[in-house]
All heavy atoms as atom14 arrays in JSON, in Angstrom:
{
  "sequence": "EPFLETAAEAMGIDRLRVIDTGLDPVTAEREQWEDGNNTLAVSPGVVV",
  "atom14_mask": [
    [1, 1, 1, 1, 1, 1, 1, 1, 1, 0, 0, 0, 0, 0],
    [1, 1, 1, 1, 1, 1, 1, 0, 0, 0, 0, 0, 0, 0],
    [1, 1, 1, 1, 1, 1, 1, 1, 1, 1, 1, 0, 0, 0],
    [1, 1, 1, 1, 1, 1, 1, 1, 0, 0, 0, 0, 0, 0],
    [1, 1, 1, 1, 1, 1, 1, 1, 1, 0, 0, 0, 0, 0],
    [1, 1, 1, 1, 1, 1, 1, 0, 0, 0, 0, 0, 0, 0],
    [1, 1, 1, 1, 1, 0, 0, 0, 0, 0, 0, 0, 0, 0],
    [1, 1, 1, 1, 1, 0, 0, 0, 0, 0, 0, 0, 0, 0],
    [1, 1, 1, 1, 1, 1, 1, 1, 1, 0, 0, 0, 0, 0],
    [1, 1, 1, 1, 1, 0, 0, 0, 0, 0, 0, 0, 0, 0],
    [1, 1, 1, 1, 1, 1, 1, 1, 0, 0, 0, 0, 0, 0],
    [1, 1, 1, 1, 0, 0, 0, 0, 0, 0, 0, 0, 0, 0],
    [1, 1, 1, 1, 1, 1, 1, 1, 0, 0, 0, 0, 0, 0],
    [1, 1, 1, 1, 1, 1, 1, 1, 0, 0, 0, 0, 0, 0],
    [1, 1, 1, 1, 1, 1, 1, 1, 1, 1, 1, 0, 0, 0],
    [1, 1, 1, 1, 1, 1, 1, 1, 0, 0, 0, 0, 0, 0],
    [1, 1, 1, 1, 1, 1, 1, 1, 1, 1, 1, 0, 0, 0],
    [1, 1, 1, 1, 1, 1, 1, 0, 0, 0, 0, 0, 0, 0],
    [1, 1, 1, 1, 1, 1, 1, 1, 0, 0, 0, 0, 0, 0],
    [1, 1, 1, 1, 1, 1, 1, 1, 0, 0, 0, 0, 0, 0],
    [1, 1, 1, 1, 1, 1, 1, 0, 0, 0, 0, 0, 0, 0],
    [1, 1, 1, 1, 0, 0, 0, 0, 0, 0, 0, 0, 0, 0],
    [1, 1, 1, 1, 1, 1, 1, 1, 0, 0, 0, 0, 0, 0],
    [1, 1, 1, 1, 1, 1, 1, 1, 0, 0, 0, 0, 0, 0],
    [1, 1, 1, 1, 1, 1, 1, 0, 0, 0, 0, 0, 0, 0],
    [1, 1, 1, 1, 1, 1, 1, 0, 0, 0, 0, 0, 0, 0],
    [1, 1, 1, 1, 1, 1, 1, 0, 0, 0, 0, 0, 0, 0],
    [1, 1, 1, 1, 1, 0, 0, 0, 0, 0, 0, 0, 0, 0],
    [1, 1, 1, 1, 1, 1, 1, 1, 1, 0, 0, 0, 0, 0],
    [1, 1, 1, 1, 1, 1, 1, 1, 1, 1, 1, 0, 0, 0],
    [1, 1, 1, 1, 1, 1, 1, 1, 1, 0, 0, 0, 0, 0],
    [1, 1, 1, 1, 1, 1, 1, 1, 1, 0, 0, 0, 0, 0],
    [1, 1, 1, 1, 1, 1, 1, 1, 1, 1, 1, 1, 1, 1],
    [1, 1, 1, 1, 1, 1, 1, 1, 1, 0, 0, 0, 0, 0],
    [1, 1, 1, 1, 1, 1, 1, 1, 0, 0, 0, 0, 0, 0],
    [1, 1, 1, 1, 0, 0, 0, 0, 0, 0, 0, 0, 0, 0],
    [1, 1, 1, 1, 1, 1, 1, 1, 0, 0, 0, 0, 0, 0],
    [1, 1, 1, 1, 1, 1, 1, 1, 0, 0, 0, 0, 0, 0],
    [1, 1, 1, 1, 1, 1, 1, 0, 0, 0, 0, 0, 0, 0],
    [1, 1, 1, 1, 1, 1, 1, 1, 0, 0, 0, 0, 0, 0],
    [1, 1, 1, 1, 1, 0, 0, 0, 0, 0, 0, 0, 0, 0],
    [1, 1, 1, 1, 1, 1, 1, 0, 0, 0, 0, 0, 0, 0],
    [1, 1, 1, 1, 1, 1, 0, 0, 0, 0, 0, 0, 0, 0],
    [1, 1, 1, 1, 1, 1, 1, 0, 0, 0, 0, 0, 0, 0],
    [1, 1, 1, 1, 0, 0, 0, 0, 0, 0, 0, 0, 0, 0],
    [1, 1, 1, 1, 1, 1, 1, 0, 0, 0, 0, 0, 0, 0],
    [1, 1, 1, 1, 1, 1, 1, 0, 0, 0, 0, 0, 0, 0],
    [1, 1, 1, 1, 1, 1, 1, 0, 0, 0, 0, 0, 0, 0]
  ],
  "atom14_positions": [
    [[-21.7, 6.79, -7.14], [-21.84, 5.56, -6.41], [-23.36, 5.37, -6.03], [-24.12, 6.42, -6.17], [-21.06, 5.51, -5.17], [-19.66, 5.64, -5.26], [-18.89, 4.42, -5.92], [-19.56, 3.31, -6.04], [-17.78, 4.54, -6.38], [0.0, 0.0, 0.0], [0.0, 0.0, 0.0], [0.0, 0.0, 0.0], [0.0, 0.0, 0.0], [0.0, 0.0, 0.0]],
    [[-23.89, 4.19, -5.78], [-25.3, 4.02, -5.39], [-25.76, 4.97, -4.37], [-25.02, 5.16, -3.28], [-25.35, 2.54, -4.94], [-24.23, 1.86, -5.64], [-23.08, 2.93, -5.71], [0.0, 0.0, 0.0], [0.0, 0.0, 0.0], [0.0, 0.0, 0.0], [0.0, 0.0, 0.0], [0.0, 0.0, 0.0], [0.0, 0.0, 0.0], [0.0, 0.0, 0.0]],
    [[-26.77, 5.67, -4.52], [-27.31, 6.69, -3.64], [-27.55, 6.24, -2.27], [-27.06, 6.87, -1.28], [-28.58, 7.33, -4.2], [-29.26, 8.26, -3.23], [-28.81, 9.53, -2.87], [-30.48, 7.82, -2.68], [-29.47, 10.34, -1.95], [-31.15, 8.65, -1.65], [-30.59, 9.89, -1.35], [0.0, 0.0, 0.0], [0.0, 0.0, 0.0], [0.0, 0.0, 0.0]],
    [[-28.24, 5.17, -2.07], [-28.57, 4.82, -0.77], [-27.38, 4.4, 0.11], [-27.33, 4.84, 1.32], [-29.63, 3.49, -0.74], [-30.96, 3.81, -1.35], [-31.76, 2.48, -1.57], [-31.7, 4.73, -0.43], [0.0, 0.0, 0.0], [0.0, 0.0, 0.0], [0.0, 0.0, 0.0], [0.0, 0.0, 0.0], [0.0, 0.0, 0.0], [0.0, 0.0, 0.0]],
    [[-26.38, 3.8, -0.46], [-25.2, 3.39, 0.32], [-24.43, 4.64, 0.58], [-23.88, 4.87, 1.71], [-24.48, 2.37, -0.44], [-24.93, 0.98, -0.46], [-25.92, 0.8, -1.66], [-26.42, 1.79, -2.16], [-26.37, -0.35, -1.86], [0.0, 0.0, 0.0], [0.0, 0.0, 0.0], [0.0, 0.0, 0.0], [0.0, 0.0, 0.0], [0.0, 0.0, 0.0]],
    [[-24.23, 5.55, -0.35], [-23.53, 6.77, -0.24], [-24.08, 7.64, 0.86], [-23.41, 8.24, 1.71], [-23.36, 7.51, -1.57], [-22.85, 6.7, -2.5], [-22.47, 8.7, -1.43], [0.0, 0.0, 0.0], [0.0, 0.0, 0.0], [0.0, 0.0, 0.0], [0.0, 0.0, 0.0], [0.0, 0.0, 0.0], [0.0, 0.0, 0.0], [0.0, 0.0, 0.0]],
    [[-25.48, 7.75, 0.79], [-26.14, 8.6, 1.87], [-25.97, 8.06, 3.17], [-25.7, 8.81, 4.05], [-27.6, 8.69, 1.39], [0.0, 0.0, 0.0], [0.0, 0.0, 0.0], [0.0, 0.0, 0.0], [0.0, 0.0, 0.0], [0.0, 0.0, 0.0], [0.0, 0.0, 0.0], [0.0, 0.0, 0.0], [0.0, 0.0, 0.0], [0.0, 0.0, 0.0]],
    [[-26.14, 6.73, 3.39], [-25.99, 6.12, 4.72], [-24.62, 6.35, 5.2], [-24.44, 6.67, 6.39], [-26.34, 4.65, 4.56], [0.0, 0.0, 0.0], [0.0, 0.0, 0.0], [0.0, 0.0, 0.0], [0.0, 0.0, 0.0], [0.0, 0.0, 0.0], [0.0, 0.0, 0.0], [0.0, 0.0, 0.0], [0.0, 0.0, 0.0], [0.0, 0.0, 0.0]],
    [[-23.58, 6.21, 4.45], [-22.29, 6.43, 4.87], [-21.98, 7.87, 5.26], [-21.48, 8.12, 6.37], [-21.24, 6.09, 3.73], [-19.83, 6.3, 4.15], [-18.89, 5.81, 2.98], [-19.26, 5.42, 1.88], [-17.54, 5.97, 3.21], [0.0, 0.0, 0.0], [0.0, 0.0, 0.0], [0.0, 0.0, 0.0], [0.0, 0.0, 0.0], [0.0, 0.0, 0.0]],
    [[-22.51, 8.78, 4.54], [-22.41, 10.25, 4.9], [-23.06, 10.49, 6.15], [-22.62, 11.36, 6.99], [-22.87, 11.07, 3.78], [0.0, 0.0, 0.0], [0.0, 0.0, 0.0], [0.0, 0.0, 0.0], [0.0, 0.0, 0.0], [0.0, 0.0, 0.0], [0.0, 0.0, 0.0], [0.0, 0.0, 0.0], [0.0, 0.0, 0.0], [0.0, 0.0, 0.0]],
    [[-24.23, 9.89, 6.41], [-25.05, 10.2, 7.52], [-24.53, 9.39, 8.77], [-25.03, 9.71, 9.89], [-26.52, 9.75, 7.34], [-27.23, 10.46, 6.17], [-28.76, 9.68, 5.65], [-29.78, 9.88, 7.16], [0.0, 0.0, 0.0], [0.0, 0.0, 0.0], [0.0, 0.0, 0.0], [0.0, 0.0, 0.0], [0.0, 0.0, 0.0], [0.0, 0.0, 0.0]],
    [[-23.56, 8.5, 8.6], [-23.0, 7.82, 9.77], [-23.93, 6.7, 10.26], [-23.81, 6.41, 11.41], [0.0, 0.0, 0.0], [0.0, 0.0, 0.0], [0.0, 0.0, 0.0], [0.0, 0.0, 0.0], [0.0, 0.0, 0.0], [0.0, 0.0, 0.0], [0.0, 0.0, 0.0], [0.0, 0.0, 0.0], [0.0, 0.0, 0.0], [0.0, 0.0, 0.0]],
    [[-24.73, 6.15, 9.41], [-25.56, 4.95, 9.81], [-25.27, 3.78, 8.96], [-24.62, 3.95, 7.87], [-27.07, 5.36, 9.75], [-27.48, 5.79, 8.19], [-27.35, 6.58, 10.6], [-28.85, 6.1, 8.05], [0.0, 0.0, 0.0], [0.0, 0.0, 0.0], [0.0, 0.0, 0.0], [0.0, 0.0, 0.0], [0.0, 0.0, 0.0], [0.0, 0.0, 0.0]],
    [[-25.73, 2.6, 9.41], [-25.46, 1.41, 8.66], [-26.23, 1.51, 7.32], [-25.61, 0.94, 6.41], [-25.84, 0.13, 9.5], [-25.0, -0.02, 10.73], [-23.84, 0.44, 10.62], [-25.38, -0.6, 11.69], [0.0, 0.0, 0.0], [0.0, 0.0, 0.0], [0.0, 0.0, 0.0], [0.0, 0.0, 0.0], [0.0, 0.0, 0.0], [0.0, 0.0, 0.0]],
    [[-27.51, 1.76, 7.32], [-28.21, 1.82, 6.04], [-29.49, 2.72, 6.29], [-29.89, 3.02, 7.38], [-28.66, 0.45, 5.75], [-29.69, -0.27, 6.69], [-30.0, -1.66, 6.26], [-31.03, -2.27, 7.17], [-32.46, -2.02, 7.01], [-32.89, -1.39, 6.0], [-33.25, -2.57, 7.95], [0.0, 0.0, 0.0], [0.0, 0.0, 0.0], [0.0, 0.0, 0.0]],
    [[-29.96, 3.11, 5.11], [-31.22, 3.84, 5.08], [-32.31, 2.8, 4.91], [-32.27, 1.95, 3.97], [-31.2, 4.84, 3.91], [-30.82, 6.25, 4.2], [-30.71, 7.1, 2.89], [-31.75, 7.02, 5.15], [0.0, 0.0, 0.0], [0.0, 0.0, 0.0], [0.0, 0.0, 0.0], [0.0, 0.0, 0.0], [0.0, 0.0, 0.0], [0.0, 0.0, 0.0]],
    [[-33.33, 2.9, 5.78], [-34.49, 2.01, 5.6], [-35.37, 2.67, 4.51], [-35.64, 3.8, 4.37], [-35.33, 2.02, 6.91], [-36.46, 0.97, 6.91], [-36.98, 0.76, 8.25], [-37.52, 2.01, 8.84], [-38.77, 2.01, 9.4], [-39.59, 1.04, 9.45], [-39.15, 3.19, 10.0], [0.0, 0.0, 0.0], [0.0, 0.0, 0.0], [0.0, 0.0, 0.0]],
    [[-35.8, 1.83, 3.61], [-36.54, 2.25, 2.42], [-38.02, 1.68, 2.53], [-38.15, 0.5, 2.68], [-35.88, 1.82, 1.11], [-36.75, 2.27, -0.14], [-34.59, 2.4, 0.97], [0.0, 0.0, 0.0], [0.0, 0.0, 0.0], [0.0, 0.0, 0.0], [0.0, 0.0, 0.0], [0.0, 0.0, 0.0], [0.0, 0.0, 0.0], [0.0, 0.0, 0.0]],
    [[-39.03, 2.55, 2.34], [-40.35, 2.23, 2.2], [-40.79, 2.44, 0.82], [-40.66, 3.59, 0.29], [-41.29, 2.9, 3.2], [-40.85, 2.71, 4.64], [-42.76, 2.46, 3.09], [-41.45, 3.65, 5.68], [0.0, 0.0, 0.0], [0.0, 0.0, 0.0], [0.0, 0.0, 0.0], [0.0, 0.0, 0.0], [0.0, 0.0, 0.0], [0.0, 0.0, 0.0]],
    [[-41.3, 1.49, 0.08], [-41.61, 1.57, -1.32], [-42.93, 2.34, -1.56], [-43.9, 2.16, -0.77], [-41.67, 0.26, -2.01], [-40.38, -0.43, -2.19], [-39.3, 0.29, -2.07], [-40.32, -1.73, -2.37], [0.0, 0.0, 0.0], [0.0, 0.0, 0.0], [0.0, 0.0, 0.0], [0.0, 0.0, 0.0], [0.0, 0.0, 0.0], [0.0, 0.0, 0.0]],
    [[-42.99, 3.08, -2.66], [-44.36, 3.66, -3.08], [-45.11, 2.55, -3.6], [-44.6, 1.75, -4.37], [-43.99, 4.66, -4.14], [-42.92, 5.55, -3.83], [-45.22, 5.52, -4.46], [0.0, 0.0, 0.0], [0.0, 0.0, 0.0], [0.0, 0.0, 0.0], [0.0, 0.0, 0.0], [0.0, 0.0, 0.0], [0.0, 0.0, 0.0], [0.0, 0.0, 0.0]],
    [[-46.34, 2.46, -3.26], [-47.25, 1.48, -3.87], [-46.96, 0.07, -3.4], [-46.23, -0.23, -2.65], [0.0, 0.0, 0.0], [0.0, 0.0, 0.0], [0.0, 0.0, 0.0], [0.0, 0.0, 0.0], [0.0, 0.0, 0.0], [0.0, 0.0, 0.0], [0.0, 0.0, 0.0], [0.0, 0.0, 0.0], [0.0, 0.0, 0.0], [0.0, 0.0, 0.0]],
    [[-47.73, -0.75, -4.14], [-47.72, -2.18, -3.74], [-47.09, -3.04, -4.88], [-46.49, -4.1, -4.7], [-49.05, -2.64, -3.4], [-49.35, -4.13, -3.01], [-48.63, -4.31, -1.65], [-50.83, -4.52, -2.8], [0.0, 0.0, 0.0], [0.0, 0.0, 0.0], [0.0, 0.0, 0.0], [0.0, 0.0, 0.0], [0.0, 0.0, 0.0], [0.0, 0.0, 0.0]],
    [[-47.4, -2.62, -6.15], [-46.91, -3.32, -7.31], [-46.43, -2.24, -8.36], [-46.7, -1.15, -8.09], [-48.0, -4.19, -7.98], [-49.29, -3.36, -8.16], [-49.27, -2.65, -9.2], [-50.3, -3.54, -7.47], [0.0, 0.0, 0.0], [0.0, 0.0, 0.0], [0.0, 0.0, 0.0], [0.0, 0.0, 0.0], [0.0, 0.0, 0.0], [0.0, 0.0, 0.0]],
    [[-45.84, -2.69, -9.45], [-45.28, -1.69, -10.35], [-46.39, -0.69, -10.91], [-46.02, 0.52, -11.01], [-44.66, -2.52, -11.5], [-44.29, -3.78, -10.8], [-45.35, -4.07, -9.84], [0.0, 0.0, 0.0], [0.0, 0.0, 0.0], [0.0, 0.0, 0.0], [0.0, 0.0, 0.0], [0.0, 0.0, 0.0], [0.0, 0.0, 0.0], [0.0, 0.0, 0.0]],
    [[-47.51, -1.11, -11.19], [-48.51, -0.33, -11.76], [-49.01, 0.69, -10.68], [-49.09, 2.01, -10.9], [-49.69, -1.03, -12.36], [-50.83, -0.08, -12.63], [-49.28, -1.8, -13.51], [0.0, 0.0, 0.0], [0.0, 0.0, 0.0], [0.0, 0.0, 0.0], [0.0, 0.0, 0.0], [0.0, 0.0, 0.0], [0.0, 0.0, 0.0], [0.0, 0.0, 0.0]],
    [[-49.3, 0.18, -9.48], [-49.76, 1.02, -8.39], [-48.61, 2.03, -7.98], [-48.91, 3.19, -7.8], [-50.16, 0.2, -7.12], [-51.17, -0.65, -7.55], [-50.67, 1.1, -6.03], [0.0, 0.0, 0.0], [0.0, 0.0, 0.0], [0.0, 0.0, 0.0], [0.0, 0.0, 0.0], [0.0, 0.0, 0.0], [0.0, 0.0, 0.0], [0.0, 0.0, 0.0]],
    [[-47.39, 1.54, -7.99], [-46.29, 2.39, -7.67], [-46.22, 3.55, -8.68], [-45.87, 4.69, -8.3], [-45.04, 1.63, -7.64], [0.0, 0.0, 0.0], [0.0, 0.0, 0.0], [0.0, 0.0, 0.0], [0.0, 0.0, 0.0], [0.0, 0.0, 0.0], [0.0, 0.0, 0.0], [0.0, 0.0, 0.0], [0.0, 0.0, 0.0], [0.0, 0.0, 0.0]],
    [[-46.21, 3.33, -9.94], [-46.23, 4.27, -10.94], [-47.36, 5.36, -10.75], [-47.13, 6.56, -10.87], [-46.29, 3.74, -12.35], [-46.11, 4.81, -13.4], [-45.98, 4.08, -14.79], [-46.07, 2.85, -14.95], [-45.84, 4.91, -15.79], [0.0, 0.0, 0.0], [0.0, 0.0, 0.0], [0.0, 0.0, 0.0], [0.0, 0.0, 0.0], [0.0, 0.0, 0.0]],
    [[-48.57, 4.84, -10.53], [-49.74, 5.76, -10.34], [-49.51, 6.6, -9.12], [-49.77, 7.79, -9.15], [-50.99, 4.91, -10.1], [-51.52, 4.38, -11.42], [-52.67, 3.29, -11.2], [-53.7, 3.96, -10.35], [-54.71, 4.62, -10.76], [-54.92, 4.75, -12.05], [-55.61, 5.14, -9.97], [0.0, 0.0, 0.0], [0.0, 0.0, 0.0], [0.0, 0.0, 0.0]],
    [[-49.07, 6.1, -8.0], [-49.0, 6.84, -6.78], [-47.74, 7.72, -6.74], [-47.77, 8.8, -6.12], [-49.0, 5.92, -5.53], [-50.43, 5.13, -5.53], [-50.73, 4.65, -4.04], [-49.96, 4.81, -3.17], [-51.85, 4.07, -4.02], [0.0, 0.0, 0.0], [0.0, 0.0, 0.0], [0.0, 0.0, 0.0], [0.0, 0.0, 0.0], [0.0, 0.0, 0.0]],
    [[-46.76, 7.37, -7.43], [-45.65, 8.29, -7.64], [-46.1, 9.48, -8.43], [-45.75, 10.63, -8.06], [-44.46, 7.56, -8.38], [-43.21, 8.42, -8.38], [-43.11, 9.36, -9.59], [-43.62, 9.08, -10.68], [-42.34, 10.48, -9.39], [0.0, 0.0, 0.0], [0.0, 0.0, 0.0], [0.0, 0.0, 0.0], [0.0, 0.0, 0.0], [0.0, 0.0, 0.0]],
    [[-46.77, 9.31, -9.44], [-47.34, 10.42, -10.28], [-48.31, 11.29, -9.43], [-48.32, 12.5, -9.65], [-48.2, 9.89, -11.46], [-48.85, 10.84, -12.31], [-50.24, 11.14, -12.36], [-48.23, 11.79, -13.21], [-50.43, 12.1, -13.2], [-49.36, 12.64, -13.83], [-46.95, 12.07, -13.6], [-49.02, 13.56, -14.78], [-46.68, 13.13, -14.53], [-47.75, 13.83, -15.13]],
    [[-49.0, 10.76, -8.55], [-49.82, 11.49, -7.67], [-49.18, 11.94, -6.28], [-49.82, 12.16, -5.32], [-51.18, 10.71, -7.25], [-51.93, 10.26, -8.46], [-52.58, 11.52, -9.19], [-52.46, 12.65, -8.67], [-53.25, 11.23, -10.24], [0.0, 0.0, 0.0], [0.0, 0.0, 0.0], [0.0, 0.0, 0.0], [0.0, 0.0, 0.0], [0.0, 0.0, 0.0]],
    [[-47.83, 11.99, -6.41], [-47.04, 12.57, -5.27], [-47.06, 11.76, -4.05], [-46.93, 12.18, -2.83], [-47.46, 14.0, -4.93], [-47.27, 14.95, -6.02], [-46.07, 15.11, -6.43], [-48.17, 15.39, -6.63], [0.0, 0.0, 0.0], [0.0, 0.0, 0.0], [0.0, 0.0, 0.0], [0.0, 0.0, 0.0], [0.0, 0.0, 0.0], [0.0, 0.0, 0.0]],
    [[-47.12, 10.48, -4.22], [-47.01, 9.48, -3.08], [-45.72, 9.52, -2.29], [-45.62, 9.32, -1.06], [0.0, 0.0, 0.0], [0.0, 0.0, 0.0], [0.0, 0.0, 0.0], [0.0, 0.0, 0.0], [0.0, 0.0, 0.0], [0.0, 0.0, 0.0], [0.0, 0.0, 0.0], [0.0, 0.0, 0.0], [0.0, 0.0, 0.0], [0.0, 0.0, 0.0]],
    [[-44.6, 9.97, -2.98], [-43.34, 10.15, -2.3], [-43.14, 11.47, -1.68], [-42.27, 11.67, -0.9], [-42.17, 9.94, -3.31], [-42.2, 8.52, -3.91], [-41.88, 7.53, -3.34], [-42.67, 8.51, -5.16], [0.0, 0.0, 0.0], [0.0, 0.0, 0.0], [0.0, 0.0, 0.0], [0.0, 0.0, 0.0], [0.0, 0.0, 0.0], [0.0, 0.0, 0.0]],
    [[-44.12, 12.38, -2.03], [-43.84, 13.82, -1.61], [-44.48, 14.06, -0.32], [-45.49, 14.76, -0.27], [-44.43, 14.78, -2.68], [-43.83, 16.13, -2.63], [-44.65, 17.03, -2.09], [-42.58, 16.39, -3.04], [0.0, 0.0, 0.0], [0.0, 0.0, 0.0], [0.0, 0.0, 0.0], [0.0, 0.0, 0.0], [0.0, 0.0, 0.0], [0.0, 0.0, 0.0]],
    [[-43.89, 13.54, 0.79], [-44.45, 13.67, 2.1], [-43.76, 14.87, 2.89], [-42.58, 15.17, 2.61], [-44.37, 12.45, 2.98], [-42.91, 12.1, 3.03], [-45.03, 11.22, 2.22], [0.0, 0.0, 0.0], [0.0, 0.0, 0.0], [0.0, 0.0, 0.0], [0.0, 0.0, 0.0], [0.0, 0.0, 0.0], [0.0, 0.0, 0.0], [0.0, 0.0, 0.0]],
    [[-44.44, 15.42, 3.78], [-43.84, 16.54, 4.7], [-43.8, 15.96, 6.04], [-44.76, 15.57, 6.67], [-44.78, 17.7, 4.66], [-44.39, 18.89, 5.67], [-42.96, 19.45, 5.38], [-45.46, 19.91, 5.81], [0.0, 0.0, 0.0], [0.0, 0.0, 0.0], [0.0, 0.0, 0.0], [0.0, 0.0, 0.0], [0.0, 0.0, 0.0], [0.0, 0.0, 0.0]],
    [[-42.58, 15.83, 6.55], [-42.35, 15.37, 8.0], [-42.79, 16.53, 8.96], [-42.18, 17.66, 8.9], [-41.07, 14.85, 8.22], [0.0, 0.0, 0.0], [0.0, 0.0, 0.0], [0.0, 0.0, 0.0], [0.0, 0.0, 0.0], [0.0, 0.0, 0.0], [0.0, 0.0, 0.0], [0.0, 0.0, 0.0], [0.0, 0.0, 0.0], [0.0, 0.0, 0.0]],
    [[-43.64, 16.18, 9.92], [-44.0, 17.18, 10.96], [-43.06, 16.89, 12.15], [-42.73, 17.77, 12.88], [-45.49, 17.01, 11.37], [-45.84, 17.86, 12.56], [-46.36, 17.33, 10.2], [0.0, 0.0, 0.0], [0.0, 0.0, 0.0], [0.0, 0.0, 0.0], [0.0, 0.0, 0.0], [0.0, 0.0, 0.0], [0.0, 0.0, 0.0], [0.0, 0.0, 0.0]],
    [[-42.67, 15.69, 12.31], [-41.67, 15.27, 13.36], [-41.13, 13.87, 12.91], [-41.65, 13.36, 11.99], [-42.28, 15.32, 14.75], [-43.4, 14.32, 14.75], [0.0, 0.0, 0.0], [0.0, 0.0, 0.0], [0.0, 0.0, 0.0], [0.0, 0.0, 0.0], [0.0, 0.0, 0.0], [0.0, 0.0, 0.0], [0.0, 0.0, 0.0], [0.0, 0.0, 0.0]],
    [[-40.16, 13.33, 13.62], [-39.69, 12.01, 13.24], [-40.72, 11.01, 13.32], [-41.43, 10.78, 14.31], [-38.51, 11.71, 14.33], [-38.16, 13.08, 14.74], [-39.35, 13.92, 14.75], [0.0, 0.0, 0.0], [0.0, 0.0, 0.0], [0.0, 0.0, 0.0], [0.0, 0.0, 0.0], [0.0, 0.0, 0.0], [0.0, 0.0, 0.0], [0.0, 0.0, 0.0]],
    [[-41.02, 10.42, 12.23], [-42.01, 9.31, 12.05], [-43.4, 9.83, 11.94], [-44.39, 9.02, 12.05], [0.0, 0.0, 0.0], [0.0, 0.0, 0.0], [0.0, 0.0, 0.0], [0.0, 0.0, 0.0], [0.0, 0.0, 0.0], [0.0, 0.0, 0.0], [0.0, 0.0, 0.0], [0.0, 0.0, 0.0], [0.0, 0.0, 0.0], [0.0, 0.0, 0.0]],
    [[-43.62, 11.05, 11.67], [-45.02, 11.67, 11.47], [-44.95, 12.51, 10.21], [-44.22, 13.48, 10.16], [-45.48, 12.44, 12.64], [-46.84, 13.05, 12.4], [-45.34, 11.64, 13.97], [0.0, 0.0, 0.0], [0.0, 0.0, 0.0], [0.0, 0.0, 0.0], [0.0, 0.0, 0.0], [0.0, 0.0, 0.0], [0.0, 0.0, 0.0], [0.0, 0.0, 0.0]],
    [[-45.81, 12.14, 9.16], [-45.82, 12.84, 7.97], [-47.23, 13.2, 7.49], [-48.11, 12.55, 7.84], [-45.06, 12.04, 6.8], [-43.64, 11.66, 7.29], [-45.86, 10.76, 6.53], [0.0, 0.0, 0.0], [0.0, 0.0, 0.0], [0.0, 0.0, 0.0], [0.0, 0.0, 0.0], [0.0, 0.0, 0.0], [0.0, 0.0, 0.0], [0.0, 0.0, 0.0]],
    [[-47.2, 14.27, 6.63], [-48.49, 14.65, 6.01], [-48.37, 14.12, 4.65], [-47.33, 14.27, 3.98], [-48.7, 16.16, 5.99], [-49.93, 16.48, 5.3], [-48.63, 16.8, 7.41], [0.0, 0.0, 0.0], [0.0, 0.0, 0.0], [0.0, 0.0, 0.0], [0.0, 0.0, 0.0], [0.0, 0.0, 0.0], [0.0, 0.0, 0.0], [0.0, 0.0, 0.0]]
  ]
}
């Protein structure tokens, strides 16, 4: 099933909020390649 909906249901929340990598398709592809999605959470809402 769709990941976002399945994850939210398992987590017991209405939905997962999604922040997109980049601003447009080209920027998103570039920043995904440069690990734009690969953040480390230090605490809720604080990431490296």
